[in-house]
Amino acid sequence: MRKIFCASVIYLAMLGSTLAAETASGEQIMSTISGNTVQGSMMASGAYTEFYSADGTIKGKDYSGKWRVDGDKMCFTYGTDPEGCWNVTIDANQVTWVKAGTEDGTGTIVEGNPNNF
């Protein structure tokens, strides 16, 4: 019984730390990411570095796209691909992209457009 109790306490502590990272509001997403660059990695596509212009344009090394905030999600469109939307958690300069309740990628917010995209 004691082992079950200890395991339960550990599980609840881990769950609490996961829930502590709250999803950013649309307003928080706009004020933190608009006009800045995010560099990181997505589970499906790997490394990325993108500048999110205030006019809704995404600029990368050899590509561009569009971004917008829909409610409390950040949505992306690249070329003819369908739009994809993610919840976002923001902790200082760290961002986590969350889709269907699962971490789908991470990144670091860098002020401005240091890569001149």
PDB file of N, CA and C in Angstrom:
ATOM      1  N   MET A   1       0.823  -1.185   0.000  1.00  0.00           N
ATOM      2  CA  MET A   1       0.000   0.000   0.000  1.00  0.00           C
ATOM      3  C   MET A   1       0.871   1.255   0.000  1.00  0.00           C
ATOM      4  N   ARG A   2       1.958   1.203   0.734  1.00  0.00           N
ATOM      5  CA  ARG A   2       2.846   2.353   0.819  1.00  0.00           C
ATOM      6  C   ARG A   2       3.472   2.669  -0.554  1.00  0.00           C
ATOM      7  N   LYS A   3       3.831   1.606  -1.313  1.00  0.00           N
ATOM      8  CA  LYS A   3       4.405   1.811  -2.646  1.00  0.00           C
ATOM      9  C   LYS A   3       3.402   2.485  -3.570  1.00  0.00           C
ATOM     10  N   ILE A   4       2.148   2.084  -3.489  1.00  0.00           N
ATOM     11  CA  ILE A   4       1.109   2.677  -4.330  1.00  0.00           C
ATOM     12  C   ILE A   4       0.938   4.150  -3.976  1.00  0.00           C
ATOM     13  N   PHE A   5       0.944   4.461  -2.688  1.00  0.00           N
ATOM     14  CA  PHE A   5       0.807   5.839  -2.255  1.00  0.00           C
ATOM     15  C   PHE A   5       1.970   6.693  -2.771  1.00  0.00           C
ATOM     16  N   CYS A   6       3.189   6.193  -2.638  1.00  0.00           N
ATOM     17  CA  CYS A   6       4.375   6.929  -3.097  1.00  0.00           C
ATOM     18  C   CYS A   6       4.326   7.134  -4.612  1.00  0.00           C
ATOM     19  N   ALA A   7       3.936   6.110  -5.337  1.00  0.00           N
ATOM     20  CA  ALA A   7       3.833   6.221  -6.789  1.00  0.00           C
ATOM     21  C   ALA A   7       2.768   7.250  -7.166  1.00  0.00           C
ATOM     22  N   SER A   8       1.671   7.273  -6.426  1.00  0.00           N
ATOM     23  CA  SER A   8       0.608   8.241  -6.693  1.00  0.00           C
ATOM     24  C   SER A   8       1.077   9.668  -6.443  1.00  0.00           C
ATOM     25  N   VAL A   9       1.825   9.864  -5.381  1.00  0.00           N
ATOM     26  CA  VAL A   9       2.342  11.195  -5.065  1.00  0.00           C
ATOM     27  C   VAL A   9       3.298  11.661  -6.165  1.00  0.00           C
ATOM     28  N   ILE A  10       4.173  10.782  -6.613  1.00  0.00           N
ATOM     29  CA  ILE A  10       5.112  11.134  -7.684  1.00  0.00           C
ATOM     30  C   ILE A  10       4.348  11.464  -8.956  1.00  0.00           C
ATOM     31  N   TYR A  11       3.362  10.659  -9.309  1.00  0.00           N
ATOM     32  CA  TYR A  11       2.569  10.902 -10.513  1.00  0.00           C
ATOM     33  C   TYR A  11       1.863  12.251 -10.435  1.00  0.00           C
ATOM     34  N   LEU A  12       1.241  12.554  -9.299  1.00  0.00           N
ATOM     35  CA  LEU A  12       0.532  13.823  -9.154  1.00  0.00           C
ATOM     36  C   LEU A  12       1.490  15.013  -9.222  1.00  0.00           C
ATOM     37  N   ALA A  13       2.687  14.866  -8.693  1.00  0.00           N
ATOM     38  CA  ALA A  13       3.684  15.935  -8.773  1.00  0.00           C
ATOM     39  C   ALA A  13       4.079  16.176 -10.228  1.00  0.00           C
ATOM     40  N   MET A  14       4.275  15.092 -10.973  1.00  0.00           N
ATOM     41  CA  MET A  14       4.633  15.231 -12.385  1.00  0.00           C
ATOM     42  C   MET A  14       3.480  15.847 -13.166  1.00  0.00           C
ATOM     43  N   LEU A  15       2.267  15.433 -12.902  1.00  0.00           N
ATOM     44  CA  LEU A  15       1.091  15.964 -13.568  1.00  0.00           C
ATOM     45  C   LEU A  15       0.940  17.447 -13.263  1.00  0.00           C
ATOM     46  N   GLY A  16       1.175  17.831 -12.030  1.00  0.00           N
ATOM     47  CA  GLY A  16       1.082  19.232 -11.638  1.00  0.00           C
ATOM     48  C   GLY A  16       2.061  20.094 -12.399  1.00  0.00           C
ATOM     49  N   SER A  17       3.277  19.610 -12.612  1.00  0.00           N
ATOM     50  CA  SER A  17       4.254  20.412 -13.347  1.00  0.00           C
ATOM     51  C   SER A  17       3.860  20.531 -14.809  1.00  0.00           C
ATOM     52  N   THR A  18       3.218  19.522 -15.373  1.00  0.00           N
ATOM     53  CA  THR A  18       2.741  19.591 -16.751  1.00  0.00           C
ATOM     54  C   THR A  18       1.604  20.593 -16.861  1.00  0.00           C
ATOM     55  N   LEU A  19       0.684  20.579 -15.907  1.00  0.00           N
ATOM     56  CA  LEU A  19      -0.446  21.483 -15.947  1.00  0.00           C
ATOM     57  C   LEU A  19      -0.036  22.915 -15.633  1.00  0.00           C
ATOM     58  N   ALA A  20       1.108  23.113 -14.988  1.00  0.00           N
ATOM     59  CA  ALA A  20       1.559  24.449 -14.620  1.00  0.00           C
ATOM     60  C   ALA A  20       1.863  25.282 -15.857  1.00  0.00           C
ATOM     61  N   ALA A  21       2.241  24.648 -16.942  1.00  0.00           N
ATOM     62  CA  ALA A  21       2.524  25.371 -18.179  1.00  0.00           C
ATOM     63  C   ALA A  21       1.187  25.654 -18.861  1.00  0.00           C
ATOM     64  N   GLU A  22       0.655  26.839 -18.607  1.00  0.00           N
ATOM     65  CA  GLU A  22      -0.655  27.187 -19.141  1.00  0.00           C
ATOM     66  C   GLU A  22      -0.562  27.627 -20.596  1.00  0.00           C
ATOM     67  N   THR A  23      -1.604  27.345 -21.322  1.00  0.00           N
ATOM     68  CA  THR A  23      -1.688  27.766 -22.713  1.00  0.00           C
ATOM     69  C   THR A  23      -1.782  29.289 -22.768  1.00  0.00           C
ATOM     70  N   ALA A  24      -1.013  29.886 -23.656  1.00  0.00           N
ATOM     71  CA  ALA A  24      -1.032  31.337 -23.818  1.00  0.00           C
ATOM     72  C   ALA A  24      -2.338  31.784 -24.460  1.00  0.00           C
ATOM     73  N   SER A  25      -2.773  32.966 -24.108  1.00  0.00           N
ATOM     74  CA  SER A  25      -3.956  33.549 -24.751  1.00  0.00           C
ATOM     75  C   SER A  25      -3.547  34.104 -26.114  1.00  0.00           C
ATOM     76  N   GLY A  26      -4.522  34.358 -26.957  1.00  0.00           N
ATOM     77  CA  GLY A  26      -4.244  34.958 -28.254  1.00  0.00           C
ATOM     78  C   GLY A  26      -3.504  36.276 -28.106  1.00  0.00           C
ATOM     79  N   GLU A  27      -3.882  37.054 -27.117  1.00  0.00           N
ATOM     80  CA  GLU A  27      -3.233  38.339 -26.854  1.00  0.00           C
ATOM     81  C   GLU A  27      -1.758  38.141 -26.474  1.00  0.00           C
ATOM     82  N   GLN A  28      -1.483  37.149 -25.631  1.00  0.00           N
ATOM     83  CA  GLN A  28      -0.097  36.852 -25.236  1.00  0.00           C
ATOM     84  C   GLN A  28       0.727  36.376 -26.429  1.00  0.00           C
ATOM     85  N   ILE A  29       0.120  35.548 -27.268  1.00  0.00           N
ATOM     86  CA  ILE A  29       0.820  35.069 -28.468  1.00  0.00           C
ATOM     87  C   ILE A  29       1.195  36.260 -29.345  1.00  0.00           C
ATOM     88  N   MET A  30       0.242  37.141 -29.619  1.00  0.00           N
ATOM     89  CA  MET A  30       0.499  38.311 -30.465  1.00  0.00           C
ATOM     90  C   MET A  30       1.602  39.186 -29.889  1.00  0.00           C
ATOM     91  N   SER A  31       1.515  39.502 -28.611  1.00  0.00           N
ATOM     92  CA  SER A  31       2.474  40.446 -28.027  1.00  0.00           C
ATOM     93  C   SER A  31       3.869  39.855 -27.880  1.00  0.00           C
ATOM     94  N   THR A  32       3.980  38.532 -27.787  1.00  0.00           N
ATOM     95  CA  THR A  32       5.282  37.898 -27.578  1.00  0.00           C
ATOM     96  C   THR A  32       5.947  37.487 -28.888  1.00  0.00           C
ATOM     97  N   ILE A  33       5.186  36.997 -29.839  1.00  0.00           N
ATOM     98  CA  ILE A  33       5.778  36.415 -31.046  1.00  0.00           C
ATOM     99  C   ILE A  33       5.789  37.377 -32.232  1.00  0.00           C
ATOM    100  N   SER A  34       4.789  38.227 -32.369  1.00  0.00           N
ATOM    101  CA  SER A  34       4.724  39.152 -33.500  1.00  0.00           C
ATOM    102  C   SER A  34       5.947  40.065 -33.526  1.00  0.00           C
ATOM    103  N   GLY A  35       6.608  40.122 -34.682  1.00  0.00           N
ATOM    104  CA  GLY A  35       7.787  40.957 -34.836  1.00  0.00           C
ATOM    105  C   GLY A  35       9.077  40.315 -34.352  1.00  0.00           C
ATOM    106  N   ASN A  36       9.000  39.036 -34.014  1.00  0.00           N
ATOM    107  CA  ASN A  36      10.166  38.315 -33.510  1.00  0.00           C
ATOM    108  C   ASN A  36      10.411  37.031 -34.299  1.00  0.00           C
ATOM    109  N   THR A  37      11.561  36.425 -34.027  1.00  0.00           N
ATOM    110  CA  THR A  37      11.975  35.178 -34.654  1.00  0.00           C
ATOM    111  C   THR A  37      11.855  34.057 -33.636  1.00  0.00           C
ATOM    112  N   VAL A  38      11.445  32.878 -34.093  1.00  0.00           N
ATOM    113  CA  VAL A  38      11.465  31.681 -33.244  1.00  0.00           C
ATOM    114  C   VAL A  38      12.335  30.653 -33.954  1.00  0.00           C
ATOM    115  N   GLN A  39      13.272  30.092 -33.209  1.00  0.00           N
ATOM    116  CA  GLN A  39      14.119  29.025 -33.756  1.00  0.00           C
ATOM    117  C   GLN A  39      14.011  27.822 -32.837  1.00  0.00           C
ATOM    118  N   GLY A  40      13.804  26.654 -33.451  1.00  0.00           N
ATOM    119  CA  GLY A  40      13.618  25.454 -32.654  1.00  0.00           C
ATOM    120  C   GLY A  40      13.476  24.225 -33.519  1.00  0.00           C
ATOM    121  N   SER A  41      12.633  23.301 -33.064  1.00  0.00           N
ATOM    122  CA  SER A  41      12.450  22.042 -33.781  1.00  0.00           C
ATOM    123  C   SER A  41      11.023  21.543 -33.589  1.00  0.00           C
ATOM    124  N   MET A  42      10.447  21.037 -34.683  1.00  0.00           N
ATOM    125  CA  MET A  42       9.127  20.416 -34.645  1.00  0.00           C
ATOM    126  C   MET A  42       9.296  18.909 -34.760  1.00  0.00           C
ATOM    127  N   MET A  43       8.429  18.163 -34.124  1.00  0.00           N
ATOM    128  CA  MET A  43       8.520  16.706 -34.136  1.00  0.00           C
ATOM    129  C   MET A  43       8.482  16.157 -35.573  1.00  0.00           C
ATOM    130  N   ALA A  44       7.571  16.667 -36.398  1.00  0.00           N
ATOM    131  CA  ALA A  44       7.386  16.107 -37.741  1.00  0.00           C
ATOM    132  C   ALA A  44       8.389  16.614 -38.772  1.00  0.00           C
ATOM    133  N   SER A  45       8.769  17.890 -38.673  1.00  0.00           N
ATOM    134  CA  SER A  45       9.575  18.465 -39.749  1.00  0.00           C
ATOM    135  C   SER A  45      11.000  18.855 -39.366  1.00  0.00           C
ATOM    136  N   GLY A  46      11.341  18.797 -38.099  1.00  0.00           N
ATOM    137  CA  GLY A  46      12.705  19.096 -37.676  1.00  0.00           C
ATOM    138  C   GLY A  46      12.949  20.569 -37.383  1.00  0.00           C
ATOM    139  N   ALA A  47      14.212  20.985 -37.577  1.00  0.00           N
ATOM    140  CA  ALA A  47      14.654  22.329 -37.204  1.00  0.00           C
ATOM    141  C   ALA A  47      14.000  23.407 -38.065  1.00  0.00           C
ATOM    142  N   TYR A  48      13.769  24.555 -37.449  1.00  0.00           N
ATOM    143  CA  TYR A  48      13.226  25.708 -38.159  1.00  0.00           C
ATOM    144  C   TYR A  48      13.749  26.994 -37.519  1.00  0.00           C
ATOM    145  N   THR A  49      13.793  28.047 -38.319  1.00  0.00           N
ATOM    146  CA  THR A  49      14.026  29.416 -37.853  1.00  0.00           C
ATOM    147  C   THR A  49      13.109  30.288 -38.681  1.00  0.00           C
ATOM    148  N   GLU A  50      12.157  30.970 -38.014  1.00  0.00           N
ATOM    149  CA  GLU A  50      11.166  31.759 -38.728  1.00  0.00           C
ATOM    150  C   GLU A  50      10.964  33.116 -38.066  1.00  0.00           C
ATOM    151  N   PHE A  51      10.838  34.134 -38.907  1.00  0.00           N
ATOM    152  CA  PHE A  51      10.490  35.472 -38.454  1.00  0.00           C
ATOM    153  C   PHE A  51       9.003  35.674 -38.691  1.00  0.00           C
ATOM    154  N   TYR A  52       8.284  36.121 -37.648  1.00  0.00           N
ATOM    155  CA  TYR A  52       6.841  36.332 -37.708  1.00  0.00           C
ATOM    156  C   TYR A  52       6.564  37.831 -37.776  1.00  0.00           C
ATOM    157  N   SER A  53       6.437  38.341 -38.996  1.00  0.00           N
ATOM    158  CA  SER A  53       6.209  39.757 -39.218  1.00  0.00           C
ATOM    159  C   SER A  53       4.847  40.174 -38.659  1.00  0.00           C
ATOM    160  N   ALA A  54       4.758  41.416 -38.215  1.00  0.00           N
ATOM    161  CA  ALA A  54       3.498  41.936 -37.674  1.00  0.00           C
ATOM    162  C   ALA A  54       2.374  41.930 -38.707  1.00  0.00           C
ATOM    163  N   ASP A  55       2.721  41.900 -40.011  1.00  0.00           N
ATOM    164  CA  ASP A  55       1.686  41.882 -41.052  1.00  0.00           C
ATOM    165  C   ASP A  55       1.153  40.475 -41.338  1.00  0.00           C
ATOM    166  N   GLY A  56       1.607  39.466 -40.572  1.00  0.00           N
ATOM    167  CA  GLY A  56       1.119  38.102 -40.748  1.00  0.00           C
ATOM    168  C   GLY A  56       1.944  37.257 -41.695  1.00  0.00           C
ATOM    169  N   THR A  57       3.084  37.772 -42.126  1.00  0.00           N
ATOM    170  CA  THR A  57       3.963  37.029 -43.020  1.00  0.00           C
ATOM    171  C   THR A  57       4.998  36.254 -42.209  1.00  0.00           C
ATOM    172  N   ILE A  58       5.246  35.012 -42.617  1.00  0.00           N
ATOM    173  CA  ILE A  58       6.325  34.205 -42.048  1.00  0.00           C
ATOM    174  C   ILE A  58       7.474  34.254 -43.049  1.00  0.00           C
ATOM    175  N   LYS A  59       8.667  34.481 -42.561  1.00  0.00           N
ATOM    176  CA  LYS A  59       9.835  34.479 -43.431  1.00  0.00           C
ATOM    177  C   LYS A  59      10.868  33.522 -42.860  1.00  0.00           C
ATOM    178  N   GLY A  60      11.271  32.550 -43.690  1.00  0.00           N
ATOM    179  CA  GLY A  60      12.319  31.602 -43.348  1.00  0.00           C
ATOM    180  C   GLY A  60      13.464  31.767 -44.320  1.00  0.00           C
ATOM    181  N   LYS A  61      14.480  30.898 -44.211  1.00  0.00           N
ATOM    182  CA  LYS A  61      15.667  31.023 -45.064  1.00  0.00           C
ATOM    183  C   LYS A  61      15.323  30.980 -46.550  1.00  0.00           C
ATOM    184  N   ASP A  62      14.552  29.997 -46.970  1.00  0.00           N
ATOM    185  CA  ASP A  62      14.238  29.837 -48.398  1.00  0.00           C
ATOM    186  C   ASP A  62      12.738  29.707 -48.652  1.00  0.00           C
ATOM    187  N   TYR A  63      11.937  30.253 -47.788  1.00  0.00           N
ATOM    188  CA  TYR A  63      10.488  30.102 -47.946  1.00  0.00           C
ATOM    189  C   TYR A  63       9.761  31.216 -47.198  1.00  0.00           C
ATOM    190  N   SER A  64       8.463  31.280 -47.437  1.00  0.00           N
ATOM    191  CA  SER A  64       7.611  32.209 -46.700  1.00  0.00           C
ATOM    192  C   SER A  64       6.262  31.536 -46.464  1.00  0.00           C
ATOM    193  N   GLY A  65       5.469  32.153 -45.653  1.00  0.00           N
ATOM    194  CA  GLY A  65       4.151  31.635 -45.342  1.00  0.00           C
ATOM    195  C   GLY A  65       3.339  32.722 -44.671  1.00  0.00           C
ATOM    196  N   LYS A  66       2.250  32.319 -44.059  1.00  0.00           N
ATOM    197  CA  LYS A  66       1.390  33.261 -43.347  1.00  0.00           C
ATOM    198  C   LYS A  66       1.073  32.705 -41.963  1.00  0.00           C
ATOM    199  N   TRP A  67       0.908  33.622 -41.011  1.00  0.00           N
ATOM    200  CA  TRP A  67       0.509  33.227 -39.667  1.00  0.00           C
ATOM    201  C   TRP A  67      -0.609  34.141 -39.196  1.00  0.00           C
ATOM    202  N   ARG A  68      -1.393  33.618 -38.271  1.00  0.00           N
ATOM    203  CA  ARG A  68      -2.455  34.417 -37.654  1.00  0.00           C
ATOM    204  C   ARG A  68      -2.806  33.785 -36.318  1.00  0.00           C
ATOM    205  N   VAL A  69      -3.470  34.539 -35.492  1.00  0.00           N
ATOM    206  CA  VAL A  69      -3.962  34.023 -34.223  1.00  0.00           C
ATOM    207  C   VAL A  69      -5.462  33.843 -34.358  1.00  0.00           C
ATOM    208  N   ASP A  70      -5.936  32.655 -34.002  1.00  0.00           N
ATOM    209  CA  ASP A  70      -7.362  32.332 -34.040  1.00  0.00           C
ATOM    210  C   ASP A  70      -7.766  31.912 -32.632  1.00  0.00           C
ATOM    211  N   GLY A  71      -8.432  32.797 -31.930  1.00  0.00           N
ATOM    212  CA  GLY A  71      -8.753  32.521 -30.520  1.00  0.00           C
ATOM    213  C   GLY A  71      -7.464  32.462 -29.725  1.00  0.00           C
ATOM    214  N   ASP A  72      -7.179  31.323 -29.125  1.00  0.00           N
ATOM    215  CA  ASP A  72      -5.952  31.124 -28.357  1.00  0.00           C
ATOM    216  C   ASP A  72      -5.010  30.151 -29.054  1.00  0.00           C
ATOM    217  N   LYS A  73      -5.062  30.115 -30.371  1.00  0.00           N
ATOM    218  CA  LYS A  73      -4.170  29.253 -31.159  1.00  0.00           C
ATOM    219  C   LYS A  73      -3.419  30.093 -32.181  1.00  0.00           C
ATOM    220  N   MET A  74      -2.215  29.630 -32.523  1.00  0.00           N
ATOM    221  CA  MET A  74      -1.444  30.256 -33.588  1.00  0.00           C
ATOM    222  C   MET A  74      -1.538  29.335 -34.792  1.00  0.00           C
ATOM    223  N   CYS A  75      -1.923  29.913 -35.930  1.00  0.00           N
ATOM    224  CA  CYS A  75      -2.166  29.140 -37.138  1.00  0.00           C
ATOM    225  C   CYS A  75      -1.155  29.518 -38.217  1.00  0.00           C
ATOM    226  N   PHE A  76      -0.752  28.527 -39.018  1.00  0.00           N
ATOM    227  CA  PHE A  76       0.283  28.683 -40.025  1.00  0.00           C
ATOM    228  C   PHE A  76      -0.202  28.130 -41.365  1.00  0.00           C
ATOM    229  N   THR A  77       0.167  28.819 -42.451  1.00  0.00           N
ATOM    230  CA  THR A  77      -0.101  28.331 -43.796  1.00  0.00           C
ATOM    231  C   THR A  77       1.180  28.481 -44.606  1.00  0.00           C
ATOM    232  N   TYR A  78       1.586  27.396 -45.257  1.00  0.00           N
ATOM    233  CA  TYR A  78       2.774  27.392 -46.115  1.00  0.00           C
ATOM    234  C   TYR A  78       2.367  26.884 -47.493  1.00  0.00           C
ATOM    235  N   GLY A  79       2.553  27.722 -48.518  1.00  0.00           N
ATOM    236  CA  GLY A  79       2.218  27.309 -49.879  1.00  0.00           C
ATOM    237  C   GLY A  79       0.781  26.864 -49.994  1.00  0.00           C
ATOM    238  N   THR A  80       0.574  25.685 -50.600  1.00  0.00           N
ATOM    239  CA  THR A  80      -0.778  25.161 -50.794  1.00  0.00           C
ATOM    240  C   THR A  80      -1.187  24.179 -49.692  1.00  0.00           C
ATOM    241  N   ASP A  81      -0.321  23.993 -48.685  1.00  0.00           N
ATOM    242  CA  ASP A  81      -0.663  23.102 -47.571  1.00  0.00           C
ATOM    243  C   ASP A  81      -1.839  23.685 -46.794  1.00  0.00           C
ATOM    244  N   PRO A  82      -2.682  22.823 -46.232  1.00  0.00           N
ATOM    245  CA  PRO A  82      -3.782  23.333 -45.419  1.00  0.00           C
ATOM    246  C   PRO A  82      -3.248  24.014 -44.153  1.00  0.00           C
ATOM    247  N   GLU A  83      -4.015  24.957 -43.648  1.00  0.00           N
ATOM    248  CA  GLU A  83      -3.636  25.667 -42.423  1.00  0.00           C
ATOM    249  C   GLU A  83      -3.572  24.694 -41.247  1.00  0.00           C
ATOM    250  N   GLY A  84      -2.560  24.864 -40.394  1.00  0.00           N
ATOM    251  CA  GLY A  84      -2.431  24.092 -39.165  1.00  0.00           C
ATOM    252  C   GLY A  84      -2.376  25.039 -37.984  1.00  0.00           C
ATOM    253  N   CYS A  85      -3.063  24.686 -36.890  1.00  0.00           N
ATOM    254  CA  CYS A  85      -3.127  25.556 -35.713  1.00  0.00           C
ATOM    255  C   CYS A  85      -2.636  24.818 -34.473  1.00  0.00           C
ATOM    256  N   TRP A  86      -1.928  25.528 -33.604  1.00  0.00           N
ATOM    257  CA  TRP A  86      -1.361  24.968 -32.378  1.00  0.00           C
ATOM    258  C   TRP A  86      -1.681  25.860 -31.197  1.00  0.00           C
ATOM    259  N   ASN A  87      -1.892  25.241 -30.044  1.00  0.00           N
ATOM    260  CA  ASN A  87      -1.867  25.988 -28.795  1.00  0.00           C
ATOM    261  C   ASN A  87      -0.408  26.282 -28.508  1.00  0.00           C
ATOM    262  N   VAL A  88      -0.162  27.309 -27.719  1.00  0.00           N
ATOM    263  CA  VAL A  88       1.195  27.742 -27.443  1.00  0.00           C
ATOM    264  C   VAL A  88       1.365  27.933 -25.943  1.00  0.00           C
ATOM    265  N   THR A  89       2.468  27.428 -25.398  1.00  0.00           N
ATOM    266  CA  THR A  89       2.849  27.804 -24.042  1.00  0.00           C
ATOM    267  C   THR A  89       4.111  28.644 -24.167  1.00  0.00           C
ATOM    268  N   ILE A  90       4.171  29.698 -23.368  1.00  0.00           N
ATOM    269  CA  ILE A  90       5.308  30.617 -23.403  1.00  0.00           C
ATOM    270  C   ILE A  90       5.856  30.745 -21.993  1.00  0.00           C
ATOM    271  N   ASP A  91       7.154  30.509 -21.856  1.00  0.00           N
ATOM    272  CA  ASP A  91       7.833  30.649 -20.570  1.00  0.00           C
ATOM    273  C   ASP A  91       9.106  31.447 -20.820  1.00  0.00           C
ATOM    274  N   ALA A  92       9.066  32.735 -20.486  1.00  0.00           N
ATOM    275  CA  ALA A  92      10.165  33.669 -20.776  1.00  0.00           C
ATOM    276  C   ALA A  92      10.394  33.680 -22.289  1.00  0.00           C
ATOM    277  N   ASN A  93      11.549  33.217 -22.761  1.00  0.00           N
ATOM    278  CA  ASN A  93      11.810  33.221 -24.208  1.00  0.00           C
ATOM    279  C   ASN A  93      11.656  31.825 -24.824  1.00  0.00           C
ATOM    280  N   GLN A  94      11.009  30.926 -24.104  1.00  0.00           N
ATOM    281  CA  GLN A  94      10.794  29.569 -24.613  1.00  0.00           C
ATOM    282  C   GLN A  94       9.338  29.373 -25.009  1.00  0.00           C
ATOM    283  N   VAL A  95       9.139  28.737 -26.151  1.00  0.00           N
ATOM    284  CA  VAL A  95       7.798  28.461 -26.647  1.00  0.00           C
ATOM    285  C   VAL A  95       7.657  26.954 -26.873  1.00  0.00           C
ATOM    286  N   THR A  96       6.483  26.440 -26.578  1.00  0.00           N
ATOM    287  CA  THR A  96       6.158  25.044 -26.850  1.00  0.00           C
ATOM    288  C   THR A  96       4.890  25.031 -27.686  1.00  0.00           C
ATOM    289  N   TRP A  97       4.937  24.320 -28.796  1.00  0.00           N
ATOM    290  CA  TRP A  97       3.789  24.176 -29.692  1.00  0.00           C
ATOM    291  C   TRP A  97       3.050  22.905 -29.271  1.00  0.00           C
ATOM    292  N   VAL A  98       1.749  23.023 -29.004  1.00  0.00           N
ATOM    293  CA  VAL A  98       0.957  21.911 -28.490  1.00  0.00           C
ATOM    294  C   VAL A  98      -0.213  21.651 -29.432  1.00  0.00           C
ATOM    295  N   LYS A  99      -0.319  20.404 -29.889  1.00  0.00           N
ATOM    296  CA  LYS A  99      -1.421  20.019 -30.771  1.00  0.00           C
ATOM    297  C   LYS A  99      -2.106  18.799 -30.177  1.00  0.00           C
ATOM    298  N   ALA A 100      -3.427  18.868 -30.048  1.00  0.00           N
ATOM    299  CA  ALA A 100      -4.217  17.770 -29.484  1.00  0.00           C
ATOM    300  C   ALA A 100      -3.686  17.354 -28.113  1.00  0.00           C
ATOM    301  N   GLY A 101      -3.254  18.346 -27.313  1.00  0.00           N
ATOM    302  CA  GLY A 101      -2.794  18.079 -25.955  1.00  0.00           C
ATOM    303  C   GLY A 101      -1.401  17.503 -25.843  1.00  0.00           C
ATOM    304  N   THR A 102      -0.686  17.397 -26.969  1.00  0.00           N
ATOM    305  CA  THR A 102       0.646  16.793 -26.977  1.00  0.00           C
ATOM    306  C   THR A 102       1.673  17.789 -27.489  1.00  0.00           C
ATOM    307  N   GLU A 103       2.838  17.829 -26.836  1.00  0.00           N
ATOM    308  CA  GLU A 103       3.923  18.695 -27.295  1.00  0.00           C
ATOM    309  C   GLU A 103       4.343  18.271 -28.695  1.00  0.00           C
ATOM    310  N   ASP A 104       4.316  19.236 -29.622  1.00  0.00           N
ATOM    311  CA  ASP A 104       4.621  18.940 -31.020  1.00  0.00           C
ATOM    312  C   ASP A 104       5.911  19.617 -31.487  1.00  0.00           C
ATOM    313  N   GLY A 105       6.451  20.504 -30.643  1.00  0.00           N
ATOM    314  CA  GLY A 105       7.691  21.185 -30.978  1.00  0.00           C
ATOM    315  C   GLY A 105       8.026  22.228 -29.931  1.00  0.00           C
ATOM    316  N   THR A 106       9.242  22.744 -30.009  1.00  0.00           N
ATOM    317  CA  THR A 106       9.699  23.768 -29.074  1.00  0.00           C
ATOM    318  C   THR A 106      10.509  24.811 -29.830  1.00  0.00           C
ATOM    319  N   GLY A 107      10.739  25.932 -29.183  1.00  0.00           N
ATOM    320  CA  GLY A 107      11.563  26.957 -29.800  1.00  0.00           C
ATOM    321  C   GLY A 107      11.994  28.006 -28.805  1.00  0.00           C
ATOM    322  N   THR A 108      12.928  28.822 -29.253  1.00  0.00           N
ATOM    323  CA  THR A 108      13.420  29.952 -28.485  1.00  0.00           C
ATOM    324  C   THR A 108      13.065  31.224 -29.237  1.00  0.00           C
ATOM    325  N   ILE A 109      12.465  32.165 -28.543  1.00  0.00           N
ATOM    326  CA  ILE A 109      12.090  33.439 -29.139  1.00  0.00           C
ATOM    327  C   ILE A 109      13.311  34.346 -29.128  1.00  0.00           C
ATOM    328  N   VAL A 110      13.644  34.865 -30.304  1.00  0.00           N
ATOM    329  CA  VAL A 110      14.767  35.795 -30.465  1.00  0.00           C
ATOM    330  C   VAL A 110      14.191  37.132 -30.920  1.00  0.00           C
ATOM    331  N   GLU A 111      14.569  38.206 -30.266  1.00  0.00           N
ATOM    332  CA  GLU A 111      14.016  39.515 -30.572  1.00  0.00           C
ATOM    333  C   GLU A 111      14.326  39.950 -32.010  1.00  0.00           C
ATOM    334  N   GLY A 112      13.293  40.444 -32.676  1.00  0.00           N
ATOM    335  CA  GLY A 112      13.461  40.999 -34.010  1.00  0.00           C
ATOM    336  C   GLY A 112      13.702  39.960 -35.096  1.00  0.00           C
ATOM    337  N   ASN A 113      14.421  40.405 -36.129  1.00  0.00           N
ATOM    338  CA  ASN A 113      14.715  39.565 -37.299  1.00  0.00           C
ATOM    339  C   ASN A 113      16.228  39.527 -37.513  1.00  0.00           C
ATOM    340  N   PRO A 114      16.964  38.872 -36.607  1.00  0.00           N
ATOM    341  CA  PRO A 114      18.432  38.901 -36.681  1.00  0.00           C
ATOM    342  C   PRO A 114      19.001  38.248 -37.928  1.00  0.00           C
ATOM    343  N   ASN A 115      18.231  37.402 -38.601  1.00  0.00           N
ATOM    344  CA  ASN A 115      18.708  36.727 -39.819  1.00  0.00           C
ATOM    345  C   ASN A 115      18.389  37.523 -41.086  1.00  0.00           C
ATOM    346  N   ASN A 116      17.725  38.660 -40.896  1.00  0.00           N
ATOM    347  CA  ASN A 116      17.332  39.518 -42.039  1.00  0.00           C
ATOM    348  C   ASN A 116      16.543  38.771 -43.110  1.00  0.00           C
ATOM    349  N   PHE A 117      15.605  37.950 -42.686  1.00  0.00           N
ATOM    350  CA  PHE A 117      14.733  37.243 -43.635  1.00  0.00           C
ATOM    351  C   PHE A 117      13.817  38.239 -44.293  1.00  0.00           C
TER     352      PHE A 117
END
